[in-house]
């Protein structure tokens, strides 16, 4: 029996952050979360980039 595909924890975190950020972005665009300041979205995007860089550096070792 084949082993199911499993992502590394860092990749799971990155995927979660990207999905969460996109969800917040869409809900903010639909004015459901319009009370959130734009800096929240920028911080989430920066967090995605930081996790990506950390994962890239860790995978090179």
N, C-alpha and C. Protein backbone atom coordinates (compact mmCIF):
# COMPACT_ATOMS: atom_id res chain seq x y z
N UNK A 1 0.84 -1.18 0.00
CA UNK A 1 0.00 0.00 0.00
C UNK A 1 0.88 1.25 0.00
N UNK A 2 0.52 2.22 -0.79
CA UNK A 2 1.32 3.43 -0.94
C UNK A 2 1.16 4.34 0.28
N UNK A 3 2.25 4.97 0.64
CA UNK A 3 2.23 5.92 1.75
C UNK A 3 1.62 7.24 1.26
N UNK A 4 0.68 7.83 2.00
CA UNK A 4 0.08 9.09 1.56
C UNK A 4 1.10 10.22 1.60
N UNK A 5 0.90 11.17 0.70
CA UNK A 5 1.82 12.32 0.60
C UNK A 5 1.69 13.18 1.85
N UNK A 6 2.83 13.49 2.47
CA UNK A 6 2.85 14.28 3.71
C UNK A 6 3.77 15.48 3.53
N UNK A 7 3.28 16.66 3.85
CA UNK A 7 4.10 17.86 3.79
C UNK A 7 4.90 18.01 5.08
N UNK A 8 6.05 18.67 4.95
CA UNK A 8 6.85 18.97 6.14
C UNK A 8 6.12 20.02 6.96
N UNK A 9 6.38 20.09 8.28
CA UNK A 9 5.68 21.08 9.12
C UNK A 9 5.87 22.52 8.65
N UNK A 10 7.05 22.87 8.17
CA UNK A 10 7.28 24.23 7.67
C UNK A 10 6.44 24.53 6.44
N UNK A 11 6.30 23.54 5.58
CA UNK A 11 5.48 23.71 4.38
C UNK A 11 3.99 23.79 4.74
N UNK A 12 3.59 23.03 5.74
CA UNK A 12 2.20 23.11 6.21
C UNK A 12 1.90 24.49 6.76
N UNK A 13 2.84 25.04 7.53
CA UNK A 13 2.66 26.38 8.09
C UNK A 13 2.56 27.42 6.97
N UNK A 14 3.42 27.29 5.97
CA UNK A 14 3.39 28.23 4.85
C UNK A 14 2.07 28.13 4.10
N UNK A 15 1.60 26.93 3.84
CA UNK A 15 0.33 26.74 3.14
C UNK A 15 -0.82 27.32 3.95
N UNK A 16 -0.81 27.10 5.26
CA UNK A 16 -1.85 27.66 6.12
C UNK A 16 -1.82 29.19 6.09
N UNK A 17 -0.63 29.78 6.20
CA UNK A 17 -0.52 31.23 6.19
C UNK A 17 -0.98 31.83 4.87
N UNK A 18 -0.64 31.18 3.77
CA UNK A 18 -1.07 31.69 2.46
C UNK A 18 -2.59 31.63 2.34
N UNK A 19 -3.19 30.51 2.74
CA UNK A 19 -4.65 30.38 2.67
C UNK A 19 -5.34 31.37 3.60
N UNK A 20 -4.80 31.54 4.79
CA UNK A 20 -5.38 32.47 5.75
C UNK A 20 -5.30 33.90 5.23
N UNK A 21 -4.15 34.26 4.66
CA UNK A 21 -3.96 35.60 4.11
C UNK A 21 -4.92 35.86 2.96
N UNK A 22 -5.04 34.88 2.06
CA UNK A 22 -5.96 35.04 0.93
C UNK A 22 -7.41 35.15 1.42
N UNK A 23 -7.76 34.39 2.44
CA UNK A 23 -9.11 34.48 3.00
C UNK A 23 -9.39 35.84 3.60
N UNK A 24 -8.44 36.36 4.35
CA UNK A 24 -8.60 37.69 4.94
C UNK A 24 -8.69 38.75 3.84
N UNK A 25 -7.87 38.59 2.80
CA UNK A 25 -7.86 39.54 1.69
C UNK A 25 -9.21 39.56 0.97
N UNK A 26 -9.76 38.38 0.71
CA UNK A 26 -11.05 38.30 0.02
C UNK A 26 -12.17 38.86 0.89
N UNK A 27 -12.19 38.47 2.16
CA UNK A 27 -13.24 38.97 3.06
C UNK A 27 -13.13 40.48 3.26
N UNK A 28 -11.91 40.99 3.27
CA UNK A 28 -11.74 42.45 3.39
C UNK A 28 -12.20 43.14 2.12
N UNK A 29 -11.96 42.50 0.98
CA UNK A 29 -12.39 43.06 -0.29
C UNK A 29 -13.91 43.07 -0.44
N UNK A 30 -14.56 42.09 0.18
CA UNK A 30 -16.02 42.03 0.16
C UNK A 30 -16.63 42.90 1.26
N UNK A 31 -15.82 43.65 1.94
CA UNK A 31 -16.18 44.57 3.04
C UNK A 31 -16.78 43.87 4.25
N UNK A 32 -16.54 42.56 4.38
CA UNK A 32 -16.98 41.87 5.58
C UNK A 32 -16.01 42.09 6.73
N UNK A 33 -14.76 42.30 6.40
CA UNK A 33 -13.74 42.59 7.41
C UNK A 33 -13.10 43.95 7.14
N UNK A 34 -13.91 44.89 6.73
CA UNK A 34 -13.38 46.20 6.36
C UNK A 34 -12.85 46.99 7.55
N UNK A 35 -13.17 46.56 8.76
CA UNK A 35 -12.68 47.26 9.95
C UNK A 35 -11.22 46.96 10.23
N UNK A 36 -10.66 45.91 9.58
CA UNK A 36 -9.25 45.59 9.78
C UNK A 36 -8.38 46.60 9.04
N UNK A 37 -7.37 47.12 9.69
CA UNK A 37 -6.48 48.05 8.99
C UNK A 37 -5.62 47.31 7.96
N UNK A 38 -5.17 48.02 6.97
CA UNK A 38 -4.38 47.43 5.90
C UNK A 38 -3.06 46.85 6.37
N UNK A 39 -2.54 47.36 7.48
CA UNK A 39 -1.27 46.86 8.00
C UNK A 39 -1.36 45.39 8.38
N UNK A 40 -2.54 44.93 8.77
CA UNK A 40 -2.72 43.52 9.12
C UNK A 40 -2.45 42.65 7.91
N UNK A 41 -2.96 43.06 6.77
CA UNK A 41 -2.73 42.32 5.53
C UNK A 41 -1.26 42.33 5.15
N UNK A 42 -0.61 43.48 5.29
CA UNK A 42 0.82 43.56 4.98
C UNK A 42 1.65 42.69 5.92
N UNK A 43 1.28 42.65 7.19
CA UNK A 43 2.01 41.81 8.14
C UNK A 43 1.84 40.33 7.82
N UNK A 44 0.64 39.93 7.39
CA UNK A 44 0.42 38.54 7.00
C UNK A 44 1.24 38.18 5.77
N UNK A 45 1.32 39.09 4.81
CA UNK A 45 2.13 38.84 3.62
C UNK A 45 3.61 38.75 4.00
N UNK A 46 4.07 39.61 4.88
CA UNK A 46 5.46 39.55 5.35
C UNK A 46 5.73 38.25 6.10
N UNK A 47 4.75 37.78 6.87
CA UNK A 47 4.92 36.51 7.59
C UNK A 47 5.05 35.36 6.59
N UNK A 48 4.25 35.40 5.52
CA UNK A 48 4.37 34.37 4.48
C UNK A 48 5.76 34.38 3.86
N UNK A 49 6.25 35.57 3.54
CA UNK A 49 7.58 35.67 2.95
C UNK A 49 8.67 35.19 3.91
N UNK A 50 8.53 35.53 5.19
CA UNK A 50 9.52 35.11 6.18
C UNK A 50 9.54 33.59 6.33
N UNK A 51 8.37 32.97 6.39
CA UNK A 51 8.30 31.52 6.51
C UNK A 51 8.87 30.87 5.26
N UNK A 52 8.61 31.45 4.09
CA UNK A 52 9.16 30.92 2.85
C UNK A 52 10.68 30.95 2.86
N UNK A 53 11.25 32.07 3.26
CA UNK A 53 12.71 32.21 3.30
C UNK A 53 13.31 31.23 4.31
N UNK A 54 12.70 31.12 5.46
CA UNK A 54 13.21 30.19 6.49
C UNK A 54 13.15 28.75 5.99
N UNK A 55 12.05 28.38 5.35
CA UNK A 55 11.93 27.02 4.80
C UNK A 55 12.97 26.77 3.72
N UNK A 56 13.22 27.77 2.88
CA UNK A 56 14.20 27.62 1.81
C UNK A 56 15.61 27.43 2.38
N UNK A 57 15.94 28.20 3.39
CA UNK A 57 17.26 28.09 4.01
C UNK A 57 17.40 26.74 4.70
N UNK A 58 16.37 26.29 5.38
CA UNK A 58 16.43 25.02 6.08
C UNK A 58 16.52 23.85 5.12
N UNK A 59 15.89 23.95 3.95
CA UNK A 59 15.92 22.83 3.01
C UNK A 59 17.26 22.73 2.28
N UNK A 60 18.05 23.81 2.27
CA UNK A 60 19.36 23.77 1.63
C UNK A 60 20.39 23.05 2.48
N UNK A 61 20.14 22.88 3.74
CA UNK A 61 21.10 22.21 4.63
C UNK A 61 21.06 20.74 4.45
